[in-house]
Structures are given as structure tokens and as C-alpha cells.
N, C-alpha and C. Protein backbone atom coordinates (compact mmCIF):
# COMPACT_ATOMS: atom_id res chain seq x y z
N MET A 1 0.85 -1.22 0.02
CA MET A 1 -0.07 -0.02 0.04
C MET A 1 0.94 1.13 0.04
N ALA A 2 0.46 1.98 -0.78
CA ALA A 2 1.30 3.50 -0.79
C ALA A 2 0.77 4.56 0.27
N PHE A 3 1.80 5.17 0.83
CA PHE A 3 1.27 6.24 1.82
C PHE A 3 1.77 7.69 1.34
N GLY A 4 1.77 7.91 0.11
CA GLY A 4 1.62 9.09 -0.61
C GLY A 4 3.01 9.78 -0.07
N ALA A 5 2.86 10.90 0.35
CA ALA A 5 4.48 11.48 0.49
C ALA A 5 5.22 10.85 1.79
N PHE A 6 4.70 10.27 2.51
CA PHE A 6 5.31 9.69 3.72
C PHE A 6 5.98 8.15 3.39
N LYS A 7 7.16 8.32 3.68
CA LYS A 7 8.14 7.07 3.88
C LYS A 7 8.64 6.41 5.15
N PRO A 8 8.08 5.20 5.68
CA PRO A 8 8.71 4.85 6.85
C PRO A 8 10.00 4.97 6.94
N LEU A 9 10.21 5.39 8.22
CA LEU A 9 11.75 5.60 8.36
C LEU A 9 12.69 4.68 9.20
N ASN A 10 12.08 3.52 9.37
CA ASN A 10 12.48 2.34 10.32
C ASN A 10 11.44 1.41 10.07
N THR A 11 11.62 0.01 10.75
CA THR A 11 11.09 -0.99 10.77
C THR A 11 9.77 -0.86 11.71
N GLU A 12 10.09 -0.49 12.67
CA GLU A 12 9.08 0.11 13.73
C GLU A 12 8.11 0.76 12.99
N GLN A 13 8.01 1.66 12.23
CA GLN A 13 7.28 2.30 11.70
C GLN A 13 6.53 1.94 10.31
N LYS A 14 7.14 0.92 9.83
CA LYS A 14 6.58 0.14 8.65
C LYS A 14 5.53 -0.95 9.42
N THR A 15 5.95 -1.37 10.43
CA THR A 15 4.99 -2.39 11.01
C THR A 15 3.92 -1.72 11.80
N VAL A 16 3.72 -0.43 12.33
CA VAL A 16 2.79 0.37 12.75
C VAL A 16 1.79 0.46 11.22
N LEU A 17 2.43 0.95 10.08
CA LEU A 17 1.40 1.22 9.21
C LEU A 17 0.80 0.15 8.52
N GLU A 18 1.52 -1.06 8.84
CA GLU A 18 0.83 -2.55 8.03
C GLU A 18 -0.26 -2.67 9.15
N VAL A 19 -0.30 -2.11 10.42
CA VAL A 19 -1.36 -2.82 11.56
C VAL A 19 -2.47 -1.56 11.48
N LEU A 20 -2.12 -0.33 11.19
CA LEU A 20 -3.06 0.55 10.87
C LEU A 20 -3.85 0.48 9.82
N THR A 21 -3.37 -0.17 8.72
CA THR A 21 -4.15 -0.17 7.43
C THR A 21 -4.91 -1.68 7.38
N ASN A 22 -4.76 -2.44 8.50
CA ASN A 22 -5.24 -3.98 8.51
C ASN A 22 -6.82 -3.79 8.83
N ASP A 23 -7.60 -4.20 7.91
CA ASP A 23 -9.22 -4.25 8.16
C ASP A 23 -9.42 -4.96 9.04
N LYS A 24 -8.51 -6.11 9.48
CA LYS A 24 -8.91 -6.84 10.50
C LYS A 24 -8.83 -6.60 11.87
N ILE A 25 -8.08 -5.47 12.03
CA ILE A 25 -7.56 -4.93 13.19
C ILE A 25 -8.30 -3.54 13.59
N ARG A 26 -9.44 -3.61 14.42
CA ARG A 26 -10.49 -2.41 14.64
C ARG A 26 -9.89 -1.39 15.71
N VAL A 27 -9.03 -1.95 16.65
CA VAL A 27 -8.47 -1.01 17.61
C VAL A 27 -7.00 -1.15 17.78
N VAL A 28 -6.25 0.15 17.71
CA VAL A 28 -4.77 0.10 17.60
C VAL A 28 -4.34 1.19 18.82
N VAL A 29 -3.58 0.61 19.62
CA VAL A 29 -3.06 1.79 20.68
C VAL A 29 -1.57 1.98 20.29
N LEU A 30 -1.27 3.13 20.08
CA LEU A 30 -0.21 3.25 19.34
C LEU A 30 0.66 4.41 20.53
N THR A 31 1.87 3.92 21.20
CA THR A 31 2.41 4.48 22.34
C THR A 31 4.10 4.72 21.80
N GLY A 32 4.30 5.88 22.41
CA GLY A 32 5.88 6.07 22.28
C GLY A 32 6.04 7.53 22.77
N ALA A 33 7.49 7.86 22.76
CA ALA A 33 7.93 9.18 23.43
C ALA A 33 7.47 10.35 22.33
N SER A 34 7.64 11.56 22.96
CA SER A 34 7.40 12.70 21.85
C SER A 34 8.60 12.37 20.86
N GLY A 35 8.01 12.78 19.58
CA GLY A 35 8.78 12.71 18.18
C GLY A 35 9.03 11.17 17.54
N SER A 36 8.27 10.30 18.24
CA SER A 36 8.44 8.92 17.46
C SER A 36 7.93 8.72 16.31
N GLY A 37 6.79 9.72 16.11
CA GLY A 37 5.94 9.63 14.71
C GLY A 37 4.49 9.13 14.95
N LYS A 38 4.20 9.17 16.07
CA LYS A 38 2.73 8.64 16.37
C LYS A 38 1.79 9.22 15.56
N THR A 39 1.40 10.45 15.50
CA THR A 39 0.35 11.49 14.60
C THR A 39 0.42 11.27 13.15
N ILE A 40 1.55 11.18 12.64
CA ILE A 40 1.95 11.41 11.39
C ILE A 40 1.59 9.86 10.97
N LEU A 41 1.97 8.93 11.50
CA LEU A 41 1.67 7.61 10.99
C LEU A 41 0.37 7.13 11.41
N SER A 42 -0.58 7.76 12.03
CA SER A 42 -1.87 7.51 11.77
C SER A 42 -2.46 8.26 10.85
N LEU A 43 -2.20 9.62 10.89
CA LEU A 43 -2.47 10.23 9.62
C LEU A 43 -2.22 9.58 8.12
N ALA A 44 -1.16 9.15 8.01
CA ALA A 44 -0.63 8.93 6.76
C ALA A 44 -1.35 7.34 6.56
N ALA A 45 -1.74 6.71 7.55
CA ALA A 45 -2.59 5.25 7.56
C ALA A 45 -3.98 5.74 6.92
N TYR A 46 -4.60 6.52 7.54
CA TYR A 46 -5.99 7.01 7.23
C TYR A 46 -5.78 7.57 5.63
N LEU A 47 -4.99 8.48 5.30
CA LEU A 47 -5.07 8.86 3.82
C LEU A 47 -4.93 8.07 2.85
N ALA A 48 -3.86 7.01 3.43
CA ALA A 48 -4.03 5.70 2.16
C ALA A 48 -5.19 4.88 2.21
N SER A 49 -5.82 4.97 3.09
CA SER A 49 -7.44 3.94 3.10
C SER A 49 -8.32 4.82 3.15
N TYR A 50 -8.61 6.18 3.12
CA TYR A 50 -9.74 6.97 3.39
C TYR A 50 -11.02 6.64 2.47
N LYS A 51 -10.56 5.91 1.56
CA LYS A 51 -11.87 5.61 0.66
C LYS A 51 -12.66 4.37 1.10
N ASN A 52 -12.32 3.75 2.15
CA ASN A 52 -12.67 2.51 2.66
C ASN A 52 -13.54 3.12 4.16
N PHE A 53 -13.40 4.41 4.35
CA PHE A 53 -14.21 4.83 5.31
C PHE A 53 -15.44 6.08 4.84
N GLY A 54 -16.55 5.77 4.48
CA GLY A 54 -17.42 6.77 3.98
C GLY A 54 -17.72 7.92 4.75
N ASN A 55 -17.61 7.77 6.42
CA ASN A 55 -17.70 8.86 7.06
C ASN A 55 -16.48 9.57 7.51
N GLY A 56 -15.51 9.01 6.74
CA GLY A 56 -13.97 10.08 7.15
C GLY A 56 -13.66 9.84 8.25
N ALA A 57 -12.56 10.45 8.74
CA ALA A 57 -12.02 10.66 10.15
C ALA A 57 -12.35 11.51 10.98
N MET A 58 -12.60 11.04 12.37
CA MET A 58 -12.73 12.04 13.34
C MET A 58 -11.56 12.12 14.19
N ILE A 59 -11.16 13.36 14.42
CA ILE A 59 -9.72 13.57 15.27
C ILE A 59 -10.04 14.20 16.88
N SER A 60 -9.83 13.73 17.93
CA SER A 60 -9.96 14.27 18.97
C SER A 60 -8.63 14.19 20.21
N ARG A 61 -8.91 15.06 21.25
CA ARG A 61 -8.02 15.05 22.27
C ARG A 61 -8.48 15.85 23.51
N LEU A 62 -8.08 15.33 24.62
CA LEU A 62 -8.55 16.27 25.75
C LEU A 62 -7.82 17.60 25.72
N MET A 63 -8.71 18.99 26.07
CA MET A 63 -8.34 20.05 25.82
C MET A 63 -7.39 20.39 27.33
N VAL A 64 -6.20 19.71 27.37
CA VAL A 64 -5.42 19.92 28.50
C VAL A 64 -4.19 20.94 28.05
N ASP A 65 -3.86 21.91 29.01
CA ASP A 65 -2.88 22.81 28.48
C ASP A 65 -1.83 22.34 29.16
N VAL A 66 -0.32 22.84 28.66
CA VAL A 66 0.85 22.30 29.27
C VAL A 66 1.31 23.54 29.87
N GLY A 67 1.25 23.10 31.48
CA GLY A 67 1.75 24.09 32.44
C GLY A 67 0.51 25.22 32.57
N ARG A 68 0.79 26.60 32.50
CA ARG A 68 -0.49 27.61 32.96
C ARG A 68 -1.73 27.12 31.93
N ALA A 69 -2.93 27.31 32.41
CA ALA A 69 -4.42 27.23 31.74
C ALA A 69 -4.19 28.24 30.62
N LEU A 70 -4.97 28.39 29.63
CA LEU A 70 -5.04 29.41 28.73
C LEU A 70 -6.54 30.16 28.98
N GLY A 71 -7.24 29.39 30.02
CA GLY A 71 -8.67 30.01 30.07
C GLY A 71 -9.33 29.63 28.97
N THR A 72 -10.49 30.22 29.26
CA THR A 72 -11.65 30.23 28.29
C THR A 72 -11.23 30.45 26.85
N LEU A 73 -11.45 29.67 25.82
CA LEU A 73 -10.85 30.47 24.43
C LEU A 73 -12.38 30.49 23.77
N PRO A 74 -12.25 31.40 22.58
CA PRO A 74 -13.41 32.07 22.08
C PRO A 74 -13.90 30.93 21.04
N GLY A 75 -15.23 30.86 20.58
CA GLY A 75 -15.60 30.48 19.44
C GLY A 75 -16.76 29.21 19.73
N PHE A 76 -17.02 28.51 18.85
CA PHE A 76 -17.87 27.19 19.09
C PHE A 76 -17.09 26.11 19.47
N ALA A 77 -17.68 24.93 19.76
CA ALA A 77 -16.89 23.71 20.36
C ALA A 77 -15.58 23.37 19.26
N GLU A 78 -16.00 23.35 17.93
CA GLU A 78 -14.64 22.75 17.39
C GLU A 78 -13.70 23.84 17.23
N GLU A 79 -13.88 25.25 17.12
CA GLU A 79 -12.86 26.09 17.26
C GLU A 79 -12.19 26.55 18.31
N LYS A 80 -12.86 25.91 19.66
CA LYS A 80 -12.01 25.67 20.82
C LYS A 80 -10.79 24.84 20.73
N LEU A 81 -11.38 23.65 19.95
CA LEU A 81 -10.60 22.64 19.79
C LEU A 81 -9.12 22.62 19.02
N ASP A 82 -9.77 23.48 17.98
CA ASP A 82 -8.86 23.57 16.82
C ASP A 82 -7.16 23.92 17.32
N PRO A 83 -6.95 24.86 18.35
CA PRO A 83 -5.52 25.17 18.81
C PRO A 83 -4.82 23.95 19.49
N TYR A 84 -5.78 23.01 19.93
CA TYR A 84 -5.12 21.65 20.67
C TYR A 84 -4.72 20.50 19.39
N LEU A 85 -5.17 20.92 18.16
CA LEU A 85 -4.96 19.95 17.03
C LEU A 85 -3.66 20.41 16.15
N ILE A 86 -2.98 21.59 16.45
CA ILE A 86 -1.70 21.77 15.56
C ILE A 86 -0.82 20.79 15.18
N CYS A 87 -0.74 19.97 16.03
CA CYS A 87 0.24 18.87 15.51
C CYS A 87 -0.49 18.03 14.50
N PHE A 88 -1.68 17.71 14.49
CA PHE A 88 -2.65 16.93 13.23
C PHE A 88 -2.36 17.92 11.99
N ASP A 89 -2.39 19.39 12.25
CA ASP A 89 -2.79 20.29 11.10
C ASP A 89 -1.06 20.30 10.33
N HIS A 90 -0.11 20.44 11.12
CA HIS A 90 1.14 20.47 10.48
C HIS A 90 1.50 19.12 9.69
N ASN A 91 1.25 17.97 10.27
CA ASN A 91 1.38 16.63 9.78
C ASN A 91 0.53 16.78 8.63
N LEU A 92 -0.86 16.89 8.74
CA LEU A 92 -1.68 16.89 7.55
C LEU A 92 -1.15 17.67 6.40
N SER A 93 -0.66 18.68 6.53
CA SER A 93 -0.36 19.83 5.52
C SER A 93 0.92 19.14 4.99
N THR A 94 1.68 18.65 5.69
CA THR A 94 3.01 18.16 5.03
C THR A 94 2.82 16.70 4.39
N LEU A 95 1.88 15.96 4.59
CA LEU A 95 1.40 14.77 3.98
C LEU A 95 0.58 14.95 2.34
N THR A 96 -0.13 16.07 2.63
CA THR A 96 -0.95 16.34 1.48
C THR A 96 -0.44 17.54 0.51
N SER A 97 0.21 18.33 1.07
CA SER A 97 0.87 19.61 0.36
C SER A 97 -0.45 20.48 0.11
N MET A 98 -1.44 20.29 0.88
CA MET A 98 -2.73 21.31 0.68
C MET A 98 -2.83 22.10 1.92
N PRO A 99 -3.58 23.11 1.88
CA PRO A 99 -3.73 24.10 2.95
C PRO A 99 -4.74 23.25 3.99
N ILE A 100 -4.72 23.40 4.82
CA ILE A 100 -5.27 22.69 6.20
C ILE A 100 -6.51 22.53 5.86
N ARG A 101 -7.21 23.67 5.68
CA ARG A 101 -8.95 23.56 5.82
C ARG A 101 -9.17 22.38 4.32
N LYS A 102 -8.63 23.12 3.32
CA LYS A 102 -8.68 22.34 2.14
C LYS A 102 -8.52 20.63 1.97
N ALA A 103 -7.58 20.42 2.76
CA ALA A 103 -6.95 18.83 3.05
C ALA A 103 -8.14 18.08 4.21
N ARG A 104 -8.67 18.91 5.13
CA ARG A 104 -9.17 18.21 6.18
C ARG A 104 -10.94 18.51 5.31
N ASP A 105 -11.32 19.18 4.40
CA ASP A 105 -12.49 19.07 3.81
C ASP A 105 -12.36 17.70 2.85
N TYR A 106 -11.42 18.04 1.79
CA TYR A 106 -11.15 16.88 0.86
C TYR A 106 -11.21 15.39 1.62
N TYR A 107 -10.53 15.11 2.56
CA TYR A 107 -10.43 13.92 3.00
C TYR A 107 -11.23 13.57 4.18
N LYS A 108 -12.05 14.65 4.33
CA LYS A 108 -13.32 14.44 5.47
C LYS A 108 -13.02 14.31 6.78
N ILE A 109 -11.83 14.98 7.13
CA ILE A 109 -11.34 14.64 8.43
C ILE A 109 -12.05 16.42 9.63
N LYS A 110 -12.89 15.43 10.54
CA LYS A 110 -13.50 16.35 11.49
C LYS A 110 -13.05 16.01 13.08
N PRO A 111 -12.78 17.69 13.29
CA PRO A 111 -12.18 17.47 14.46
C PRO A 111 -13.60 17.57 15.64
N VAL A 112 -13.53 16.72 16.82
CA VAL A 112 -14.86 16.46 17.69
C VAL A 112 -14.43 16.55 19.09
N PRO A 113 -14.65 17.40 19.89
CA PRO A 113 -14.29 17.55 21.11
C PRO A 113 -14.81 16.27 22.05
N ILE A 114 -14.03 15.52 22.69
CA ILE A 114 -14.18 14.23 23.54
C ILE A 114 -15.33 14.42 24.34
N GLN A 115 -15.37 15.81 24.75
CA GLN A 115 -16.83 15.96 25.53
C GLN A 115 -18.24 15.97 25.07
N LEU A 116 -17.93 16.05 23.61
CA LEU A 116 -19.49 15.89 22.89
C LEU A 116 -19.75 14.52 22.46
N LEU A 117 -19.09 13.48 22.73
CA LEU A 117 -19.02 11.96 22.21
C LEU A 117 -20.11 11.33 22.72
N ARG A 118 -20.51 11.41 23.95
CA ARG A 118 -21.67 10.94 24.58
C ARG A 118 -22.72 10.85 23.78
N GLY A 119 -23.30 9.58 23.22
CA GLY A 119 -24.81 9.38 22.55
C GLY A 119 -24.28 9.45 21.17
N ALA A 120 -23.04 9.54 20.68
CA ALA A 120 -22.78 9.35 19.38
C ALA A 120 -22.57 7.73 18.90
N SER A 121 -22.44 7.59 17.83
CA SER A 121 -22.47 6.14 17.32
C SER A 121 -21.68 6.37 15.92
N MET A 122 -20.31 6.11 16.10
CA MET A 122 -19.45 6.24 14.71
C MET A 122 -19.47 4.91 13.95
N VAL A 123 -19.90 5.13 12.74
CA VAL A 123 -20.18 4.41 11.90
C VAL A 123 -19.32 4.38 10.42
N ASP A 124 -18.45 3.59 10.19
CA ASP A 124 -17.73 3.49 8.97
C ASP A 124 -16.79 4.86 9.21
N CYS A 125 -16.03 4.65 10.00
CA CYS A 125 -15.14 5.94 10.58
C CYS A 125 -13.84 5.70 10.94
N PHE A 126 -12.90 6.52 10.86
CA PHE A 126 -11.26 6.46 11.28
C PHE A 126 -11.10 7.20 12.49
N VAL A 127 -11.36 6.90 13.58
CA VAL A 127 -11.05 7.75 14.86
C VAL A 127 -9.62 7.77 15.28
N ILE A 128 -9.19 8.99 15.64
CA ILE A 128 -8.15 9.17 16.26
C ILE A 128 -8.15 9.90 17.50
N ILE A 129 -7.59 9.43 18.63
CA ILE A 129 -7.65 10.15 19.94
C ILE A 129 -6.47 10.46 20.42
N ASP A 130 -5.90 11.41 20.49
CA ASP A 130 -4.60 11.74 20.78
C ASP A 130 -4.60 11.76 22.29
N GLU A 131 -3.32 11.83 22.93
CA GLU A 131 -3.06 11.96 24.38
C GLU A 131 -3.83 11.37 25.10
N ALA A 132 -4.06 9.98 24.60
CA ALA A 132 -4.90 8.94 25.31
C ALA A 132 -4.60 8.74 26.43
N GLN A 133 -3.28 9.01 26.87
CA GLN A 133 -2.82 8.52 28.34
C GLN A 133 -3.37 9.28 29.29
N MET A 134 -3.95 10.45 29.24
CA MET A 134 -4.64 11.14 30.12
C MET A 134 -6.16 10.63 30.13
N LEU A 135 -6.62 9.92 29.26
CA LEU A 135 -8.10 9.79 29.66
C LEU A 135 -8.42 8.72 30.93
N SER A 136 -9.49 9.15 31.66
CA SER A 136 -9.82 8.29 32.76
C SER A 136 -10.26 7.07 32.05
N GLU A 137 -10.97 6.01 33.02
CA GLU A 137 -11.79 4.83 32.70
C GLU A 137 -12.72 5.22 32.07
N HIS A 138 -13.76 6.21 32.54
CA HIS A 138 -14.84 6.68 32.16
C HIS A 138 -14.85 7.12 30.89
N GLU A 139 -13.96 7.96 30.58
CA GLU A 139 -13.57 8.71 29.32
C GLU A 139 -13.47 7.55 28.03
N LEU A 140 -12.50 6.80 28.67
CA LEU A 140 -11.95 5.83 27.47
C LEU A 140 -13.05 4.83 27.15
N LEU A 141 -14.16 4.21 28.21
CA LEU A 141 -15.21 3.65 28.11
C LEU A 141 -16.17 4.60 27.09
N THR A 142 -16.45 5.63 27.31
CA THR A 142 -17.37 6.34 26.62
C THR A 142 -16.93 6.49 25.16
N ILE A 143 -15.37 6.76 24.96
CA ILE A 143 -15.06 6.62 23.51
C ILE A 143 -15.14 5.29 22.76
N GLY A 144 -14.63 4.14 23.60
CA GLY A 144 -14.78 2.90 23.19
C GLY A 144 -16.32 2.67 22.64
N THR A 145 -17.11 2.82 23.44
CA THR A 145 -18.77 2.33 23.47
C THR A 145 -19.11 3.25 22.15
N ARG A 146 -18.44 4.07 21.44
CA ARG A 146 -18.99 4.84 20.30
C ARG A 146 -18.82 4.32 19.11
N ILE A 147 -17.41 3.46 19.15
CA ILE A 147 -17.20 2.87 17.88
C ILE A 147 -18.24 1.69 17.22
N SER A 148 -18.80 1.92 15.96
CA SER A 148 -19.89 1.24 15.46
C SER A 148 -19.18 0.30 14.07
N LYS A 149 -20.19 0.04 13.58
CA LYS A 149 -19.72 -1.07 12.41
C LYS A 149 -19.01 -0.35 10.85
N GLY A 150 -18.13 -0.91 10.96
CA GLY A 150 -17.13 -0.49 9.93
C GLY A 150 -16.03 0.67 10.13
N SER A 151 -15.79 0.94 11.49
CA SER A 151 -15.02 1.76 12.13
C SER A 151 -13.61 1.38 12.86
N LYS A 152 -12.72 2.12 12.91
CA LYS A 152 -11.44 1.72 13.39
C LYS A 152 -10.89 3.04 14.60
N LEU A 153 -10.35 2.54 15.56
CA LEU A 153 -10.31 3.26 16.79
C LEU A 153 -8.73 3.27 16.88
N VAL A 154 -8.16 4.54 17.06
CA VAL A 154 -6.72 4.76 16.79
C VAL A 154 -6.26 5.40 18.42
N LEU A 155 -5.88 4.90 19.33
CA LEU A 155 -5.54 5.81 20.60
C LEU A 155 -3.84 6.15 20.37
N LEU A 156 -3.70 7.22 20.70
CA LEU A 156 -2.18 7.50 20.37
C LEU A 156 -1.90 8.28 22.08
N GLY A 157 -0.62 7.61 22.57
CA GLY A 157 -0.28 8.21 23.78
C GLY A 157 1.36 7.84 24.26
N ASP A 158 1.58 8.70 24.88
CA ASP A 158 3.11 8.53 25.67
C ASP A 158 2.57 8.45 27.25
N LEU A 159 2.98 6.94 27.66
CA LEU A 159 2.75 6.46 28.88
C LEU A 159 3.79 7.44 29.72
N ALA A 160 4.49 8.04 29.46
CA ALA A 160 5.24 8.56 30.35
C ALA A 160 5.07 10.37 30.27
N GLN A 161 4.25 10.64 29.55
CA GLN A 161 3.75 12.21 29.61
C GLN A 161 2.33 12.29 30.13
N VAL A 162 2.42 12.98 31.18
CA VAL A 162 0.83 13.45 31.87
C VAL A 162 0.83 14.69 32.28
N ASP A 163 -0.12 15.56 31.77
CA ASP A 163 -0.08 17.19 31.89
C ASP A 163 -1.56 17.36 32.74
N GLY A 164 -1.67 18.80 33.13
CA GLY A 164 -2.75 18.91 33.80
C GLY A 164 -3.11 18.33 35.17
N GLY A 165 -2.25 17.85 35.88
CA GLY A 165 -2.39 17.26 37.16
C GLY A 165 -2.97 15.67 36.73
N ARG A 166 -3.35 15.41 35.65
CA ARG A 166 -4.08 14.08 35.25
C ARG A 166 -2.76 13.00 35.46
N ASN A 167 -3.42 11.80 36.35
CA ASN A 167 -2.47 10.89 36.41
C ASN A 167 -3.16 9.48 36.12
N ASN A 168 -3.88 9.49 35.36
CA ASN A 168 -4.83 8.35 34.99
C ASN A 168 -4.07 6.91 34.27
N LYS A 169 -4.84 5.76 34.70
CA LYS A 169 -4.06 4.68 34.14
C LYS A 169 -4.76 4.00 33.26
N ALA A 170 -5.72 4.34 32.78
CA ALA A 170 -6.84 3.95 32.18
C ALA A 170 -6.37 3.11 30.72
N LEU A 171 -5.18 3.71 30.06
CA LEU A 171 -4.53 3.31 28.73
C LEU A 171 -3.76 1.95 29.11
N ILE A 172 -3.20 2.10 30.13
CA ILE A 172 -2.23 1.10 30.86
C ILE A 172 -3.25 -0.24 30.96
N THR A 173 -4.09 0.28 31.73
CA THR A 173 -5.14 -0.72 32.34
C THR A 173 -5.74 -1.69 30.93
N LEU A 174 -5.92 -0.86 29.86
CA LEU A 174 -6.50 -1.25 28.47
C LEU A 174 -5.25 -2.07 27.78
N VAL A 175 -4.28 -1.82 27.66
CA VAL A 175 -3.37 -2.57 26.88
C VAL A 175 -2.50 -3.99 27.78
N LYS A 176 -2.84 -3.59 28.88
CA LYS A 176 -2.35 -5.08 29.78
C LYS A 176 -3.70 -6.12 30.15
N HIS A 177 -4.80 -5.35 29.84
CA HIS A 177 -5.84 -6.49 30.13
C HIS A 177 -5.82 -7.90 29.25
N PRO A 178 -6.03 -8.89 29.76
CA PRO A 178 -6.14 -10.04 28.94
C PRO A 178 -6.76 -10.19 27.86
N LYS A 179 -8.00 -9.43 27.87
CA LYS A 179 -8.85 -9.52 27.16
C LYS A 179 -8.64 -8.80 25.80
N PHE A 180 -7.81 -7.64 26.12
CA PHE A 180 -7.28 -6.86 25.04
C PHE A 180 -6.26 -7.57 24.30
N ILE A 181 -5.16 -7.99 25.05
CA ILE A 181 -4.16 -8.99 24.59
C ILE A 181 -4.66 -10.19 23.64
N ALA A 182 -5.65 -10.76 24.05
CA ALA A 182 -6.07 -12.02 23.40
C ALA A 182 -6.81 -11.60 22.20
N SER A 183 -7.39 -10.53 22.15
CA SER A 183 -8.28 -10.29 20.77
C SER A 183 -7.85 -9.94 19.96
N PRO A 184 -8.38 -10.67 18.58
CA PRO A 184 -7.88 -10.50 17.06
C PRO A 184 -8.12 -9.42 16.65
N ILE A 185 -8.84 -8.48 17.34
CA ILE A 185 -9.14 -7.10 16.41
C ILE A 185 -8.63 -5.95 17.08
N ALA A 186 -7.73 -6.30 18.25
CA ALA A 186 -7.09 -5.11 19.05
C ALA A 186 -5.46 -5.28 18.99
N LYS A 187 -4.52 -4.27 18.75
CA LYS A 187 -3.31 -4.44 19.00
C LYS A 187 -2.57 -3.19 19.69
N HIS A 188 -1.54 -3.51 20.33
CA HIS A 188 -0.79 -2.15 21.02
C HIS A 188 0.48 -2.47 20.40
N LEU A 189 0.96 -1.32 20.12
CA LEU A 189 2.46 -1.23 19.46
C LEU A 189 3.01 0.05 20.43
N HIS A 190 4.43 -0.37 20.44
CA HIS A 190 5.06 0.75 20.92
C HIS A 190 6.38 1.16 20.07
N LEU A 191 6.46 2.58 19.89
CA LEU A 191 7.39 3.15 19.19
C LEU A 191 8.53 3.48 20.15
N SER A 192 9.69 3.06 19.96
CA SER A 192 10.91 3.00 20.80
C SER A 192 11.96 4.07 20.34
N LYS A 193 11.73 4.44 18.94
CA LYS A 193 12.68 5.26 18.52
C LYS A 193 12.19 7.10 18.14
N THR A 194 12.97 7.92 18.88
CA THR A 194 12.57 9.12 18.55
C THR A 194 13.10 9.66 16.94
N VAL A 195 12.18 10.03 16.12
CA VAL A 195 12.69 10.62 14.87
C VAL A 195 12.54 11.79 14.73
N ARG A 196 12.22 12.76 15.46
CA ARG A 196 11.82 14.11 15.29
C ARG A 196 13.12 14.89 14.87
N GLY A 197 14.11 14.66 15.80
CA GLY A 197 15.38 15.05 15.37
C GLY A 197 16.40 15.03 16.83
N LYS A 198 17.55 15.81 16.64
CA LYS A 198 18.48 15.76 17.56
C LYS A 198 18.32 16.69 18.58
N VAL A 199 17.59 17.80 18.42
CA VAL A 199 17.01 18.54 19.49
C VAL A 199 16.31 18.18 20.67
N THR A 200 15.10 17.09 19.77
CA THR A 200 14.21 16.47 20.61
C THR A 200 14.95 15.57 21.61
N GLU A 201 15.62 14.79 20.86
CA GLU A 201 16.73 13.68 21.35
C GLU A 201 17.51 14.46 22.92
N LEU A 202 18.08 15.26 22.61
CA LEU A 202 18.84 16.04 23.39
C LEU A 202 17.83 16.49 24.77
N PHE A 203 16.84 17.07 24.65
CA PHE A 203 16.08 17.47 25.93
C PHE A 203 15.49 16.39 26.67
N MET A 204 15.11 15.32 25.80
CA MET A 204 14.22 14.10 26.21
C MET A 204 15.57 13.41 27.38
N GLU A 205 16.95 13.68 26.80
CA GLU A 205 18.07 13.01 27.42
C GLU A 205 18.38 13.79 28.72
N VAL A 206 18.21 15.07 28.96
CA VAL A 206 18.55 16.03 29.79
C VAL A 206 17.38 16.05 30.76
N PHE A 207 15.98 16.09 30.45
CA PHE A 207 14.86 16.08 31.23
C PHE A 207 14.27 14.80 31.22
N PRO A 208 14.77 13.62 31.66
CA PRO A 208 13.84 12.29 31.26
C PRO A 208 12.66 12.22 32.21
N GLY A 209 12.73 12.87 33.36
CA GLY A 209 11.47 12.52 34.23
C GLY A 209 10.45 13.72 33.95
N GLU A 210 10.98 14.79 33.46
CA GLU A 210 9.92 15.94 33.41
C GLU A 210 8.70 15.67 32.95
N GLU A 211 8.65 14.82 31.71
CA GLU A 211 7.34 14.64 31.30
C GLU A 211 6.29 14.06 32.22
N ASN A 212 6.56 13.51 33.42
CA ASN A 212 5.72 12.94 34.17
C ASN A 212 5.01 14.00 35.05
N GLU A 213 5.31 15.39 34.90
CA GLU A 213 5.04 16.28 35.90
C GLU A 213 3.88 17.27 35.32
């Protein structure tokens, strides 16, 4: 399968793309440190298979700030979420060479705040949830039980990184549960290599424990 402008940088990334585009696997948990490629891999996999998802893709994450809170942001729900999806937008622009809004429309990518998922039923949709390590069991259960026929759920997270005073273990509970491990439709993959660059590597070596705070 072709992944457009994206070329896997190592064996780990190649394996992740194979799993993300495997129709038989409906739940993928992708963990790894900052700069390991979680976001761009999930988007590249969706772009390579978007014609298989009639309702496109839905992307979301908790609106948790790093450090001091920003306070209430202006706009409607989706507009409030937009600033937290800058990582998706940068990668989407890189992969498609399109303006962000045009790429979102063309590939039917819709940002949806996690807080608005209750009661939804996601059919024939590629669902990407970023920063999943900060989800509570209640939040993770709410997301997982929204996934309906023809949909795939991709949970991205860095198990060493928790912001906003959250210290939830729901994602760890999920990937270590015997039912998840034994399920033929679920897979947990971990990216051990940082590929963003030497600056990222340097700061992670100097401050190895800070991402937990």
C-alpha cells in the first residue's frame, strides 16, 4: 500500500503502518515518546485508506494545557478544539501539500471535542484520539463504546507524559488486560525510537523525568 508523501523511516514505523491499515484490526493503541511519529503515522494510514471509510475521520483529544491554563477560548466547540490539534494540522499539511482547511474537507477529517461524544455512534469512520494516556476509565469507556460498524479506533499516547495534574492509568489498564491482549481485533504497538530530530533527543536526555510532571 502506498502512503503518499510519507516513507517509513524504520522497521517500527513500517510495522505500525501495516497494522493501522489492516482491516481486521479495529482497535490500535500506539504508544511512544515525543517525536516517535505517532501522529503522522496515524494520519498517513488514514490517507492511504480513506476511501474505505465512508464517513471519513474524526480526530480528538482532551483540551489539557501544558503548564499554565489558557483560560476559556473563544468560538464554538470545534473552534475551541482547533488550537489543540496543531500537531495534526502540521502533519496533514506535510502529507497532502494542501492548505489545512482544504485537506480536512477533501479527506473528510472532522475535529470533535471528546466532551461531545456521549450518545454518538461512529459508523464507517477512522477515529484518532490523541493524548489518550490522560483519559480516565470513564472517558476511555465512553469513546470505546461509540465505535460502531466499519469503524477503526486509534489511541495515541505517551505513557510517560501526563499534563494538567492528570495521572490516569486507563490506557495502561486497557493494553495490559488479558481480554485486550487476546483479542484478534486489537493491537498495542510501541515506538521506541525518536525520529523528530537531534534537538528532541537532547532535551529528552536532559529532562528524562519531567514529562511525568
